[in-house]
């Protein structure tokens, strides 16, 4: 069976992917499938206490969510890595991350508005720093109700 290659429709875009778990990687996978140059950036093993949230690194789910992406590790707690990050961001068209608003690590981002599990009320989302307009959009889209 011949290999299936990515489309080239978005080949002119470079996207940095700091997303994790499900919503962010699924969003960015769409860009990668349509040919964008996607660089998945992760912390080295043992640095991020939440690194196992997305399942086993070499498991089928992880492989599916990050297909057609290049990858690298950066320990953003180190000054040298921050310098690398700044250079990467300067060459990117889009930076995607889905950290909670109070733990965002990237200088300029497009957040995928998927709240973390257990934050299913507008009040809790407000305490986490989600803007009122985003909370309203999540409520209207049925995301908050689906998380209950």
C-alpha atoms as a PDB file:
ATOM      1  CA  UNK A   1       0.000   0.000   0.000  1.00  0.00           C
ATOM      2  CA  UNK A   2       1.456   3.404  -0.932  1.00  0.00           C
ATOM      3  CA  UNK A   3       2.305   5.886   1.829  1.00  0.00           C
ATOM      4  CA  UNK A   4      -0.204   8.679   2.345  1.00  0.00           C
ATOM      5  CA  UNK A   5       1.499  12.062   2.273  1.00  0.00           C
ATOM      6  CA  UNK A   6       0.307  15.300   3.804  1.00  0.00           C
ATOM      7  CA  UNK A   7      -1.338  17.939   1.652  1.00  0.00           C
ATOM      8  CA  UNK A   8       0.754  20.968   0.718  1.00  0.00           C
ATOM      9  CA  UNK A   9      -2.065  23.516   1.099  1.00  0.00           C
ATOM     10  CA  UNK A  10      -0.534  25.115   4.220  1.00  0.00           C
ATOM     11  CA  UNK A  11       3.113  24.538   3.341  1.00  0.00           C
ATOM     12  CA  UNK A  12       3.944  28.226   3.769  1.00  0.00           C
ATOM     13  CA  UNK A  13       3.031  28.197   7.488  1.00  0.00           C
ATOM     14  CA  UNK A  14       5.315  27.393  10.424  1.00  0.00           C
ATOM     15  CA  UNK A  15       3.510  26.480  13.618  1.00  0.00           C
ATOM     16  CA  UNK A  16       5.039  25.885  17.045  1.00  0.00           C
ATOM     17  CA  UNK A  17       3.022  23.354  19.025  1.00  0.00           C
ATOM     18  CA  UNK A  18       3.253  23.501  22.833  1.00  0.00           C
ATOM     19  CA  UNK A  19      -0.163  21.874  23.255  1.00  0.00           C
ATOM     20  CA  UNK A  20      -0.888  18.755  25.252  1.00  0.00           C
ATOM     21  CA  UNK A  21      -3.546  16.141  25.993  1.00  0.00           C
ATOM     22  CA  UNK A  22      -6.302  16.189  23.329  1.00  0.00           C
ATOM     23  CA  UNK A  23      -7.749  19.507  22.121  1.00  0.00           C
ATOM     24  CA  UNK A  24      -4.505  21.315  21.295  1.00  0.00           C
ATOM     25  CA  UNK A  25      -2.770  18.403  19.543  1.00  0.00           C
ATOM     26  CA  UNK A  26      -5.946  17.675  17.561  1.00  0.00           C
ATOM     27  CA  UNK A  27      -6.120  21.311  16.454  1.00  0.00           C
ATOM     28  CA  UNK A  28      -2.496  21.400  15.368  1.00  0.00           C
ATOM     29  CA  UNK A  29      -2.718  17.977  13.710  1.00  0.00           C
ATOM     30  CA  UNK A  30      -5.107  19.550  11.193  1.00  0.00           C
ATOM     31  CA  UNK A  31      -2.454  22.105  10.226  1.00  0.00           C
ATOM     32  CA  UNK A  32       0.188  19.367   9.925  1.00  0.00           C
ATOM     33  CA  UNK A  33      -2.104  17.177   7.802  1.00  0.00           C
ATOM     34  CA  UNK A  34      -2.518  20.076   5.393  1.00  0.00           C
ATOM     35  CA  UNK A  35       1.220  20.578   5.032  1.00  0.00           C
ATOM     36  CA  UNK A  36       2.169  23.229   7.601  1.00  0.00           C
ATOM     37  CA  UNK A  37       5.661  22.956   9.057  1.00  0.00           C
ATOM     38  CA  UNK A  38       4.689  22.029  12.610  1.00  0.00           C
ATOM     39  CA  UNK A  39       7.293  21.745  15.343  1.00  0.00           C
ATOM     40  CA  UNK A  40       6.062  19.964  18.475  1.00  0.00           C
ATOM     41  CA  UNK A  41       7.992  21.308  21.468  1.00  0.00           C
ATOM     42  CA  UNK A  42       8.042  19.322  24.702  1.00  0.00           C
ATOM     43  CA  UNK A  43       9.894  19.417  27.991  1.00  0.00           C
ATOM     44  CA  UNK A  44      12.630  16.814  28.475  1.00  0.00           C
ATOM     45  CA  UNK A  45      11.542  13.696  30.405  1.00  0.00           C
ATOM     46  CA  UNK A  46      11.209  14.364  34.128  1.00  0.00           C
ATOM     47  CA  UNK A  47      10.854  18.169  33.859  1.00  0.00           C
ATOM     48  CA  UNK A  48       7.071  18.534  33.416  1.00  0.00           C
ATOM     49  CA  UNK A  49       5.075  16.950  36.271  1.00  0.00           C
ATOM     50  CA  UNK A  50       2.147  16.549  33.836  1.00  0.00           C
ATOM     51  CA  UNK A  51       4.097  14.848  31.048  1.00  0.00           C
ATOM     52  CA  UNK A  52       2.070  11.642  31.238  1.00  0.00           C
ATOM     53  CA  UNK A  53      -1.292  13.394  30.729  1.00  0.00           C
ATOM     54  CA  UNK A  54      -1.241  12.563  27.024  1.00  0.00           C
ATOM     55  CA  UNK A  55      -0.570   8.871  27.511  1.00  0.00           C
ATOM     56  CA  UNK A  56       2.537   6.842  26.665  1.00  0.00           C
ATOM     57  CA  UNK A  57       4.993   8.719  24.439  1.00  0.00           C
ATOM     58  CA  UNK A  58       5.213   5.901  21.913  1.00  0.00           C
ATOM     59  CA  UNK A  59       1.574   4.826  22.256  1.00  0.00           C
ATOM     60  CA  UNK A  60      -0.834   4.868  19.308  1.00  0.00           C
ATOM     61  CA  UNK A  61      -2.782   7.887  20.558  1.00  0.00           C
ATOM     62  CA  UNK A  62       0.358  10.027  20.851  1.00  0.00           C
ATOM     63  CA  UNK A  63       1.591   8.867  17.447  1.00  0.00           C
ATOM     64  CA  UNK A  64      -1.757   9.715  15.841  1.00  0.00           C
ATOM     65  CA  UNK A  65      -2.053  13.159  17.464  1.00  0.00           C
ATOM     66  CA  UNK A  66       1.455  14.174  16.453  1.00  0.00           C
ATOM     67  CA  UNK A  67       1.720  12.718  12.967  1.00  0.00           C
ATOM     68  CA  UNK A  68       3.286  14.903  10.270  1.00  0.00           C
ATOM     69  CA  UNK A  69       5.021  17.020  12.929  1.00  0.00           C
ATOM     70  CA  UNK A  70       8.684  17.500  13.688  1.00  0.00           C
ATOM     71  CA  UNK A  71       9.582  17.484  17.356  1.00  0.00           C
ATOM     72  CA  UNK A  72      12.145  18.773  19.807  1.00  0.00           C
ATOM     73  CA  UNK A  73      12.602  19.101  23.538  1.00  0.00           C
ATOM     74  CA  UNK A  74      13.330  22.341  25.369  1.00  0.00           C
ATOM     75  CA  UNK A  75      13.741  22.835  29.095  1.00  0.00           C
ATOM     76  CA  UNK A  76      12.276  26.325  29.363  1.00  0.00           C
ATOM     77  CA  UNK A  77      13.646  26.647  32.879  1.00  0.00           C
ATOM     78  CA  UNK A  78      17.096  27.163  31.339  1.00  0.00           C
ATOM     79  CA  UNK A  79      18.161  30.513  29.886  1.00  0.00           C
ATOM     80  CA  UNK A  80      19.703  28.901  26.797  1.00  0.00           C
ATOM     81  CA  UNK A  81      16.391  27.202  25.994  1.00  0.00           C
ATOM     82  CA  UNK A  82      14.509  30.507  26.358  1.00  0.00           C
ATOM     83  CA  UNK A  83      16.889  32.006  23.781  1.00  0.00           C
ATOM     84  CA  UNK A  84      16.154  29.102  21.417  1.00  0.00           C
ATOM     85  CA  UNK A  85      12.430  29.603  22.037  1.00  0.00           C
ATOM     86  CA  UNK A  86      12.661  33.296  21.177  1.00  0.00           C
ATOM     87  CA  UNK A  87      14.436  32.465  17.903  1.00  0.00           C
ATOM     88  CA  UNK A  88      11.802  29.838  17.046  1.00  0.00           C
ATOM     89  CA  UNK A  89       8.925  32.193  17.852  1.00  0.00           C
ATOM     90  CA  UNK A  90      10.450  34.866  15.624  1.00  0.00           C
ATOM     91  CA  UNK A  91      10.240  32.448  12.672  1.00  0.00           C
ATOM     92  CA  UNK A  92       6.742  31.114  13.447  1.00  0.00           C
ATOM     93  CA  UNK A  93       3.464  32.213  11.941  1.00  0.00           C
ATOM     94  CA  UNK A  94       1.452  30.671  14.781  1.00  0.00           C
ATOM     95  CA  UNK A  95       2.205  29.473  18.321  1.00  0.00           C
ATOM     96  CA  UNK A  96      -0.363  27.114  19.840  1.00  0.00           C
ATOM     97  CA  UNK A  97      -0.558  26.122  23.500  1.00  0.00           C
ATOM     98  CA  UNK A  98      -3.343  25.023  25.786  1.00  0.00           C
ATOM     99  CA  UNK A  99      -1.920  25.605  29.239  1.00  0.00           C
ATOM    100  CA  UNK A 100      -4.168  27.177  31.846  1.00  0.00           C
ATOM    101  CA  UNK A 101      -4.022  30.975  31.518  1.00  0.00           C
ATOM    102  CA  UNK A 102      -2.063  31.250  34.770  1.00  0.00           C
ATOM    103  CA  UNK A 103       0.696  28.926  33.532  1.00  0.00           C
ATOM    104  CA  UNK A 104       1.202  30.102  29.948  1.00  0.00           C
ATOM    105  CA  UNK A 105       4.864  29.765  28.990  1.00  0.00           C
ATOM    106  CA  UNK A 106       4.990  31.242  25.535  1.00  0.00           C
ATOM    107  CA  UNK A 107       5.317  34.926  24.641  1.00  0.00           C
ATOM    108  CA  UNK A 108       2.537  35.202  22.045  1.00  0.00           C
ATOM    109  CA  UNK A 109       0.038  32.445  21.568  1.00  0.00           C
ATOM    110  CA  UNK A 110      -3.168  31.202  20.056  1.00  0.00           C
ATOM    111  CA  UNK A 111      -4.807  29.264  22.869  1.00  0.00           C
ATOM    112  CA  UNK A 112      -7.095  26.373  22.096  1.00  0.00           C
ATOM    113  CA  UNK A 113      -9.983  27.130  24.449  1.00  0.00           C
ATOM    114  CA  UNK A 114     -10.367  23.711  26.051  1.00  0.00           C
ATOM    115  CA  UNK A 115     -10.493  24.045  29.815  1.00  0.00           C
ATOM    116  CA  UNK A 116      -8.677  21.480  31.939  1.00  0.00           C
ATOM    117  CA  UNK A 117     -10.720  18.615  33.398  1.00  0.00           C
ATOM    118  CA  UNK A 118     -12.540  19.497  36.622  1.00  0.00           C
ATOM    119  CA  UNK A 119     -13.033  23.163  35.700  1.00  0.00           C
ATOM    120  CA  UNK A 120     -16.586  22.860  34.428  1.00  0.00           C
ATOM    121  CA  UNK A 121     -18.213  25.938  35.924  1.00  0.00           C
ATOM    122  CA  UNK A 122     -17.984  29.514  34.657  1.00  0.00           C
ATOM    123  CA  UNK A 123     -16.901  30.598  38.150  1.00  0.00           C
ATOM    124  CA  UNK A 124     -13.968  28.155  38.200  1.00  0.00           C
ATOM    125  CA  UNK A 125     -12.917  29.170  34.692  1.00  0.00           C
ATOM    126  CA  UNK A 126     -12.967  32.817  35.792  1.00  0.00           C
ATOM    127  CA  UNK A 127     -10.717  32.014  38.766  1.00  0.00           C
ATOM    128  CA  UNK A 128      -8.296  30.263  36.381  1.00  0.00           C
ATOM    129  CA  UNK A 129      -8.011  33.468  34.355  1.00  0.00           C
ATOM    130  CA  UNK A 130     -10.194  32.679  31.353  1.00  0.00           C
ATOM    131  CA  UNK A 131     -11.594  35.929  29.906  1.00  0.00           C
ATOM    132  CA  UNK A 132     -15.401  36.407  30.189  1.00  0.00           C
ATOM    133  CA  UNK A 133     -15.863  36.339  26.400  1.00  0.00           C
ATOM    134  CA  UNK A 134     -14.073  32.981  26.181  1.00  0.00           C
ATOM    135  CA  UNK A 135     -16.153  31.546  29.047  1.00  0.00           C
ATOM    136  CA  UNK A 136     -19.303  32.697  27.237  1.00  0.00           C
ATOM    137  CA  UNK A 137     -18.117  31.101  23.982  1.00  0.00           C
ATOM    138  CA  UNK A 138     -17.381  27.821  25.766  1.00  0.00           C
ATOM    139  CA  UNK A 139     -20.819  27.872  27.390  1.00  0.00           C
ATOM    140  CA  UNK A 140     -22.595  28.623  24.110  1.00  0.00           C
ATOM    141  CA  UNK A 141     -20.672  25.856  22.342  1.00  0.00           C
ATOM    142  CA  UNK A 142     -21.810  23.377  24.994  1.00  0.00           C
ATOM    143  CA  UNK A 143     -18.271  22.649  26.206  1.00  0.00           C
ATOM    144  CA  UNK A 144     -18.976  23.532  29.841  1.00  0.00           C
ATOM    145  CA  UNK A 145     -22.122  21.366  29.921  1.00  0.00           C
ATOM    146  CA  UNK A 146     -20.278  18.455  28.288  1.00  0.00           C
ATOM    147  CA  UNK A 147     -17.563  18.581  30.954  1.00  0.00           C
ATOM    148  CA  UNK A 148     -20.024  18.089  33.843  1.00  0.00           C
END
